[in-house]
N, C-alpha and C. Protein backbone atom coordinates (compact mmCIF):
# COMPACT_ATOMS: atom_id res chain seq x y z
N UNK A 1 1.41 90.96 -57.95
CA UNK A 1 0.17 90.57 -57.30
C UNK A 1 0.46 90.32 -55.81
N UNK A 2 -0.52 90.64 -55.04
CA UNK A 2 -0.39 90.48 -53.61
C UNK A 2 -0.27 89.00 -53.27
N UNK A 3 0.62 88.67 -52.34
CA UNK A 3 0.73 87.31 -51.87
C UNK A 3 -0.50 86.90 -51.10
N UNK A 4 -1.25 87.87 -50.61
CA UNK A 4 -2.45 87.61 -49.83
C UNK A 4 -3.53 86.95 -50.68
N UNK A 5 -3.57 87.24 -51.95
CA UNK A 5 -4.58 86.72 -52.84
C UNK A 5 -3.96 85.80 -53.85
N UNK A 6 -4.60 84.65 -54.06
CA UNK A 6 -4.24 83.80 -55.18
C UNK A 6 -4.92 84.34 -56.39
N UNK A 7 -4.65 83.81 -57.58
CA UNK A 7 -5.25 84.30 -58.79
C UNK A 7 -6.78 84.32 -58.70
N UNK A 8 -7.38 83.28 -58.13
CA UNK A 8 -8.83 83.21 -58.11
C UNK A 8 -9.46 84.13 -57.10
N UNK A 9 -8.71 84.63 -56.12
CA UNK A 9 -9.24 85.54 -55.11
C UNK A 9 -8.65 86.94 -55.22
N UNK A 10 -7.94 87.21 -56.29
CA UNK A 10 -7.37 88.54 -56.49
C UNK A 10 -8.46 89.53 -56.85
N UNK A 11 -8.70 90.52 -56.00
CA UNK A 11 -9.80 91.48 -56.29
C UNK A 11 -9.53 92.32 -57.55
N UNK A 12 -8.28 92.38 -57.97
CA UNK A 12 -7.90 93.18 -59.13
C UNK A 12 -7.84 92.35 -60.42
N UNK A 13 -8.15 91.06 -60.37
CA UNK A 13 -7.99 90.14 -61.49
C UNK A 13 -8.75 90.58 -62.74
N UNK A 14 -9.89 91.17 -62.58
CA UNK A 14 -10.71 91.56 -63.73
C UNK A 14 -10.26 92.86 -64.40
N UNK A 15 -9.27 93.52 -63.84
CA UNK A 15 -8.80 94.80 -64.34
C UNK A 15 -7.46 94.62 -64.97
N UNK A 16 -7.37 94.95 -66.27
CA UNK A 16 -6.09 94.89 -66.98
C UNK A 16 -5.29 96.12 -66.62
N UNK A 17 -4.09 95.90 -66.10
CA UNK A 17 -3.22 97.01 -65.76
C UNK A 17 -1.78 96.58 -65.80
N UNK A 18 -0.87 97.54 -65.92
CA UNK A 18 0.56 97.20 -65.90
C UNK A 18 0.93 96.50 -64.59
N UNK A 19 1.87 95.59 -64.68
CA UNK A 19 2.29 94.81 -63.50
C UNK A 19 2.75 95.72 -62.37
N UNK A 20 3.45 96.79 -62.68
CA UNK A 20 3.93 97.70 -61.65
C UNK A 20 2.79 98.36 -60.90
N UNK A 21 1.73 98.70 -61.63
CA UNK A 21 0.55 99.32 -61.00
C UNK A 21 -0.11 98.29 -60.09
N UNK A 22 -0.24 97.06 -60.57
CA UNK A 22 -0.83 95.99 -59.79
C UNK A 22 -0.06 95.76 -58.48
N UNK A 23 1.25 95.78 -58.57
CA UNK A 23 2.08 95.57 -57.38
C UNK A 23 1.83 96.68 -56.35
N UNK A 24 1.78 97.91 -56.80
CA UNK A 24 1.54 99.02 -55.88
C UNK A 24 0.16 98.93 -55.26
N UNK A 25 -0.84 98.67 -56.07
CA UNK A 25 -2.20 98.53 -55.53
C UNK A 25 -2.32 97.40 -54.54
N UNK A 26 -1.62 96.29 -54.82
CA UNK A 26 -1.64 95.15 -53.92
C UNK A 26 -1.01 95.53 -52.57
N UNK A 27 0.12 96.25 -52.62
CA UNK A 27 0.75 96.67 -51.37
C UNK A 27 -0.14 97.62 -50.58
N UNK A 28 -0.78 98.53 -51.29
CA UNK A 28 -1.67 99.48 -50.63
C UNK A 28 -2.90 98.77 -50.03
N UNK A 29 -3.42 97.77 -50.73
CA UNK A 29 -4.55 97.00 -50.19
C UNK A 29 -4.11 96.23 -48.95
N UNK A 30 -2.92 95.67 -48.97
CA UNK A 30 -2.42 94.98 -47.80
C UNK A 30 -2.26 95.93 -46.62
N UNK A 31 -1.82 97.15 -46.90
CA UNK A 31 -1.68 98.15 -45.82
C UNK A 31 -3.06 98.45 -45.19
N UNK A 32 -4.07 98.55 -46.02
CA UNK A 32 -5.43 98.78 -45.50
C UNK A 32 -5.85 97.58 -44.64
N UNK A 33 -5.66 96.39 -45.17
CA UNK A 33 -6.11 95.18 -44.47
C UNK A 33 -5.38 94.91 -43.17
N UNK A 34 -4.16 95.43 -43.04
CA UNK A 34 -3.37 95.17 -41.82
C UNK A 34 -3.22 96.40 -40.93
N UNK A 35 -4.01 97.43 -41.19
CA UNK A 35 -3.97 98.62 -40.35
C UNK A 35 -4.28 98.25 -38.90
N UNK A 36 -3.42 98.76 -38.00
CA UNK A 36 -3.56 98.43 -36.58
C UNK A 36 -4.63 99.25 -35.88
N UNK A 37 -4.96 100.38 -36.44
CA UNK A 37 -5.99 101.24 -35.83
C UNK A 37 -6.63 102.12 -36.93
N UNK A 38 -7.60 102.90 -36.51
CA UNK A 38 -8.35 103.69 -37.51
C UNK A 38 -7.47 104.79 -38.13
N UNK A 39 -6.51 105.31 -37.40
CA UNK A 39 -5.63 106.33 -37.97
C UNK A 39 -4.79 105.72 -39.08
N UNK A 40 -4.19 104.57 -38.83
CA UNK A 40 -3.41 103.89 -39.87
C UNK A 40 -4.31 103.58 -41.07
N UNK A 41 -5.51 103.14 -40.81
CA UNK A 41 -6.45 102.82 -41.87
C UNK A 41 -6.76 104.06 -42.71
N UNK A 42 -7.01 105.18 -42.02
CA UNK A 42 -7.30 106.43 -42.74
C UNK A 42 -6.11 106.85 -43.61
N UNK A 43 -4.92 106.79 -43.08
CA UNK A 43 -3.73 107.16 -43.85
C UNK A 43 -3.53 106.23 -45.04
N UNK A 44 -3.68 104.94 -44.83
CA UNK A 44 -3.52 103.98 -45.93
C UNK A 44 -4.58 104.19 -47.01
N UNK A 45 -5.80 104.50 -46.60
CA UNK A 45 -6.87 104.73 -47.55
C UNK A 45 -6.63 106.01 -48.35
N UNK A 46 -6.18 107.08 -47.67
CA UNK A 46 -5.90 108.31 -48.38
C UNK A 46 -4.76 108.12 -49.38
N UNK A 47 -3.75 107.37 -48.97
CA UNK A 47 -2.61 107.14 -49.84
C UNK A 47 -3.02 106.40 -51.11
N UNK A 48 -3.81 105.37 -50.98
CA UNK A 48 -4.24 104.62 -52.18
C UNK A 48 -5.20 105.45 -53.00
N UNK A 49 -6.03 106.24 -52.37
CA UNK A 49 -6.95 107.07 -53.13
C UNK A 49 -6.18 108.06 -54.00
N UNK A 50 -5.12 108.65 -53.46
CA UNK A 50 -4.29 109.54 -54.24
C UNK A 50 -3.63 108.84 -55.43
N UNK A 51 -3.21 107.60 -55.21
CA UNK A 51 -2.62 106.82 -56.29
C UNK A 51 -3.63 106.57 -57.39
N UNK A 52 -4.84 106.18 -57.01
CA UNK A 52 -5.90 105.92 -57.99
C UNK A 52 -6.27 107.20 -58.74
N UNK A 53 -6.29 108.30 -58.02
CA UNK A 53 -6.56 109.60 -58.68
C UNK A 53 -5.50 109.92 -59.72
N UNK A 54 -4.24 109.60 -59.41
CA UNK A 54 -3.17 109.81 -60.38
C UNK A 54 -3.35 108.91 -61.59
N UNK A 55 -3.72 107.64 -61.38
CA UNK A 55 -3.99 106.76 -62.51
C UNK A 55 -5.10 107.30 -63.38
N UNK A 56 -6.11 107.86 -62.74
CA UNK A 56 -7.25 108.42 -63.46
C UNK A 56 -6.81 109.65 -64.29
N UNK A 57 -6.07 110.56 -63.68
CA UNK A 57 -5.61 111.77 -64.37
C UNK A 57 -4.70 111.44 -65.54
N UNK A 58 -3.86 110.41 -65.36
CA UNK A 58 -2.93 110.02 -66.42
C UNK A 58 -3.57 109.10 -67.44
N UNK A 59 -4.84 108.75 -67.23
CA UNK A 59 -5.59 107.87 -68.12
C UNK A 59 -4.90 106.53 -68.34
N UNK A 60 -4.35 106.00 -67.25
CA UNK A 60 -3.71 104.68 -67.29
C UNK A 60 -4.74 103.59 -67.43
N UNK A 61 -5.90 103.81 -66.81
CA UNK A 61 -7.00 102.83 -66.84
C UNK A 61 -8.25 103.51 -67.36
N UNK A 62 -9.21 102.69 -67.81
CA UNK A 62 -10.49 103.17 -68.31
C UNK A 62 -11.34 103.64 -67.11
N UNK A 63 -12.29 104.56 -67.35
CA UNK A 63 -13.13 105.07 -66.26
C UNK A 63 -13.83 103.95 -65.46
N UNK A 64 -14.33 102.93 -66.14
CA UNK A 64 -14.99 101.82 -65.44
C UNK A 64 -14.03 101.05 -64.55
N UNK A 65 -12.77 100.94 -64.99
CA UNK A 65 -11.75 100.26 -64.19
C UNK A 65 -11.39 101.08 -62.95
N UNK A 66 -11.32 102.39 -63.14
CA UNK A 66 -11.05 103.28 -62.01
C UNK A 66 -12.15 103.15 -60.98
N UNK A 67 -13.39 103.15 -61.44
CA UNK A 67 -14.54 103.01 -60.53
C UNK A 67 -14.46 101.67 -59.79
N UNK A 68 -14.07 100.60 -60.49
CA UNK A 68 -13.92 99.30 -59.83
C UNK A 68 -12.86 99.34 -58.76
N UNK A 69 -11.77 100.04 -59.02
CA UNK A 69 -10.72 100.17 -58.00
C UNK A 69 -11.25 100.87 -56.76
N UNK A 70 -11.96 101.98 -56.97
CA UNK A 70 -12.52 102.70 -55.83
C UNK A 70 -13.44 101.78 -55.02
N UNK A 71 -14.27 101.01 -55.68
CA UNK A 71 -15.17 100.08 -54.97
C UNK A 71 -14.42 99.00 -54.22
N UNK A 72 -13.43 98.41 -54.84
CA UNK A 72 -12.60 97.37 -54.18
C UNK A 72 -11.95 97.93 -52.93
N UNK A 73 -11.36 99.10 -53.06
CA UNK A 73 -10.63 99.69 -51.94
C UNK A 73 -11.55 100.18 -50.85
N UNK A 74 -12.73 100.71 -51.22
CA UNK A 74 -13.72 101.15 -50.24
C UNK A 74 -14.22 99.93 -49.46
N UNK A 75 -14.50 98.82 -50.17
CA UNK A 75 -14.95 97.61 -49.50
C UNK A 75 -13.90 97.13 -48.50
N UNK A 76 -12.63 97.17 -48.92
CA UNK A 76 -11.57 96.72 -48.00
C UNK A 76 -11.48 97.62 -46.79
N UNK A 77 -11.62 98.93 -46.99
CA UNK A 77 -11.59 99.87 -45.86
C UNK A 77 -12.75 99.65 -44.91
N UNK A 78 -13.92 99.43 -45.46
CA UNK A 78 -15.11 99.20 -44.61
C UNK A 78 -14.95 97.87 -43.83
N UNK A 79 -14.43 96.87 -44.47
CA UNK A 79 -14.22 95.59 -43.79
C UNK A 79 -13.22 95.76 -42.65
N UNK A 80 -12.17 96.56 -42.88
CA UNK A 80 -11.16 96.76 -41.83
C UNK A 80 -11.74 97.57 -40.66
N UNK A 81 -12.51 98.58 -40.97
CA UNK A 81 -13.16 99.36 -39.91
C UNK A 81 -14.01 98.45 -39.04
N UNK A 82 -14.78 97.60 -39.69
CA UNK A 82 -15.65 96.66 -38.95
C UNK A 82 -14.80 95.77 -38.06
N UNK A 83 -13.70 95.22 -38.60
CA UNK A 83 -12.83 94.33 -37.83
C UNK A 83 -12.20 95.07 -36.64
N UNK A 84 -11.82 96.32 -36.84
CA UNK A 84 -11.19 97.09 -35.77
C UNK A 84 -12.18 97.44 -34.66
N UNK A 85 -13.42 97.59 -35.02
CA UNK A 85 -14.43 97.96 -34.03
C UNK A 85 -14.99 96.78 -33.25
N UNK A 86 -14.72 95.58 -33.71
CA UNK A 86 -15.20 94.38 -32.99
C UNK A 86 -14.31 94.01 -31.84
């Protein structure tokens, strides 16, 4: 789990997944949140999207959980874009 989020604020808390998957997603989310510019943000977003696509293809998570991941990550990306533009 990401050190950035405690259990009660973990955006992935409602999704059951292997610990290794959670660690990778947490690192990728942190990369999005700490992107220094829009290029870094784009690269971090593309990287995590590819990872989620792999999880989907391998059927590691249920379709609803995959959709939740996309929403969580999209929200994080949008929040970072807003912060970078301010």
